[in-house]
C-alpha atoms as a PDB file:
ATOM      1  CA  MET A   1      13.102 144.862  72.258  1.00  0.00           C
ATOM      2  CA  ARG A   2      14.666 143.662  69.030  1.00  0.00           C
ATOM      3  CA  ARG A   3      15.903 147.169  68.192  1.00  0.00           C
ATOM      4  CA  LEU A   4      17.474 147.498  71.657  1.00  0.00           C
ATOM      5  CA  LEU A   5      19.318 144.207  71.216  1.00  0.00           C
ATOM      6  CA  PHE A   6      20.574 145.378  67.813  1.00  0.00           C
ATOM      7  CA  ILE A   7      21.869 148.648  69.316  1.00  0.00           C
ATOM      8  CA  VAL A   8      23.594 146.792  72.177  1.00  0.00           C
ATOM      9  CA  VAL A   9      25.339 144.453  69.725  1.00  0.00           C
ATOM     10  CA  ILE A  10      26.483 147.362  67.538  1.00  0.00           C
ATOM     11  CA  VAL A  11      27.820 149.292  70.541  1.00  0.00           C
ATOM     12  CA  ALA A  12      29.635 146.178  71.780  1.00  0.00           C
ATOM     13  CA  LEU A  13      31.257 145.689  68.366  1.00  0.00           C
ATOM     14  CA  ILE A  14      32.366 149.323  68.302  1.00  0.00           C
ATOM     15  CA  VAL A  15      33.886 148.993  71.776  1.00  0.00           C
ATOM     16  CA  VAL A  16      35.738 145.826  70.748  1.00  0.00           C
ATOM     17  CA  GLY A  17      36.985 147.609  67.615  1.00  0.00           C
ATOM     18  CA  VAL A  18      38.258 150.583  69.605  1.00  0.00           C
ATOM     19  CA  LEU A  19      40.022 148.256  72.049  1.00  0.00           C
ATOM     20  CA  PHE A  20      41.552 146.291  69.173  1.00  0.00           C
ATOM     21  CA  GLY A  21      42.726 149.516  67.589  1.00  0.00           C
ATOM     22  CA  SER A  22      44.271 150.859  70.760  1.00  0.00           C
ATOM     23  CA  ILE A  23      46.166 147.634  71.439  1.00  0.00           C
ATOM     24  CA  ASN A  24      47.492 146.967  67.912  1.00  0.00           C
ATOM     25  CA  GLN A  25      49.622 149.978  67.023  1.00  0.00           C
ATOM     26  CA  GLN A  26      52.331 147.885  65.359  1.00  0.00           C
ATOM     27  CA  VAL A  27      53.335 148.674  61.800  1.00  0.00           C
ATOM     28  CA  ALA A  28      53.136 145.840  59.282  1.00  0.00           C
ATOM     29  CA  ASP A  29      54.104 145.567  55.628  1.00  0.00           C
ATOM     30  CA  LEU A  30      51.279 144.964  53.195  1.00  0.00           C
ATOM     31  CA  HIS A  31      52.546 143.641  49.865  1.00  0.00           C
ATOM     32  CA  LEU A  32      50.069 143.926  47.024  1.00  0.00           C
ATOM     33  CA  LEU A  33      50.624 143.076  43.377  1.00  0.00           C
ATOM     34  CA  ILE A  34      52.090 146.386  42.287  1.00  0.00           C
ATOM     35  CA  LEU A  35      52.870 148.214  45.523  1.00  0.00           C
ATOM     36  CA  SER A  36      54.015 147.716  49.067  1.00  0.00           C
ATOM     37  CA  VAL A  37      52.836 149.891  51.957  1.00  0.00           C
ATOM     38  CA  GLN A  38      53.442 150.038  55.669  1.00  0.00           C
ATOM     39  CA  LEU A  39      50.247 150.328  57.694  1.00  0.00           C
ATOM     40  CA  ARG A  40      49.230 149.756  61.283  1.00  0.00           C
ATOM     41  CA  VAL A  41      47.650 146.379  61.979  1.00  0.00           C
ATOM     42  CA  VAL A  42      44.351 148.042  62.865  1.00  0.00           C
ATOM     43  CA  ASP A  43      44.355 149.923  59.548  1.00  0.00           C
ATOM     44  CA  ILE A  44      44.878 146.686  57.630  1.00  0.00           C
ATOM     45  CA  ALA A  45      42.056 145.018  59.567  1.00  0.00           C
ATOM     46  CA  LEU A  46      39.754 147.976  58.871  1.00  0.00           C
ATOM     47  CA  LEU A  47      40.695 147.971  55.191  1.00  0.00           C
ATOM     48  CA  PHE A  48      39.816 144.312  54.762  1.00  0.00           C
ATOM     49  CA  LEU A  49      36.672 144.666  56.874  1.00  0.00           C
ATOM     50  CA  LEU A  50      35.416 147.476  54.641  1.00  0.00           C
ATOM     51  CA  LEU A  51      36.416 145.567  51.511  1.00  0.00           C
ATOM     52  CA  GLY A  52      34.464 142.533  52.723  1.00  0.00           C
ATOM     53  CA  LEU A  53      31.473 144.685  53.614  1.00  0.00           C
ATOM     54  CA  ILE A  54      31.432 146.333  50.184  1.00  0.00           C
ATOM     55  CA  LEU A  55      31.808 143.013  48.369  1.00  0.00           C
ATOM     56  CA  GLY A  56      29.079 141.428  50.496  1.00  0.00           C
ATOM     57  CA  LEU A  57      26.673 144.279  49.832  1.00  0.00           C
ATOM     58  CA  LEU A  58      27.462 144.181  46.119  1.00  0.00           C
ATOM     59  CA  ILE A  59      26.806 140.428  45.934  1.00  0.00           C
ATOM     60  CA  ALA A  60      23.569 140.822  47.925  1.00  0.00           C
ATOM     61  CA  LEU A  61      22.460 143.636  45.603  1.00  0.00           C
ATOM     62  CA  LEU A  62      23.214 141.595  42.487  1.00  0.00           C
ATOM     63  CA  TYR A  63      21.381 138.574  43.918  1.00  0.00           C
ATOM     64  CA  SER A  64      18.386 140.744  44.808  1.00  0.00           C
ATOM     65  CA  LEU A  65      18.298 142.296  41.342  1.00  0.00           C
ATOM     66  CA  GLN A  66      18.546 138.847  39.776  1.00  0.00           C
ATOM     67  CA  ARG A  67      15.553 137.620  41.797  1.00  0.00           C
ATOM     68  CA  LYS A  68      13.515 140.703  40.893  1.00  0.00           C
ATOM     69  CA  ALA A  69      14.398 140.336  37.215  1.00  0.00           C
ATOM     70  CA  LYS A  70      13.158 136.734  37.244  1.00  0.00           C
ATOM     71  CA  GLY A  71       9.877 137.953  38.729  1.00  0.00           C
ATOM     72  CA  TRP A  72       9.538 140.642  36.058  1.00  0.00           C
ATOM     73  CA  LEU A  73      10.238 138.137  33.306  1.00  0.00           C
ATOM     74  CA  ARG A  74       7.568 135.774  34.636  1.00  0.00           C
ATOM     75  CA  LYS A  75       5.027 138.599  34.812  1.00  0.00           C
ATOM     76  CA  SER A  76       5.736 139.718  31.242  1.00  0.00           C
ATOM     77  CA  ALA A  77       5.545 136.122  29.950  1.00  0.00           C
ATOM     78  CA  ASP A  78       2.034 135.588  31.362  1.00  0.00           C
ATOM     79  CA  PRO A  79      -0.513 135.983  28.525  1.00  0.00           C
ATOM     80  CA  SER A  80      -3.208 137.385  30.830  1.00  0.00           C
END
């Protein structure tokens, strides 16, 4: 049941993304520090979504490694 709910939510998000992409075909300027590009609004949204996903996964990975390292240090400090 939980897996079915997960699949339904993912499919709904994909449908919303496709609708958002089909509606927003306008071109917008994206000014970064050293360059300026013209992209569609949906491309900019996808770019920042992927950037946020990558940063979130990286932070979660670093936090997980930090917790595991603390556990390893405690195990090696035990004199038993």
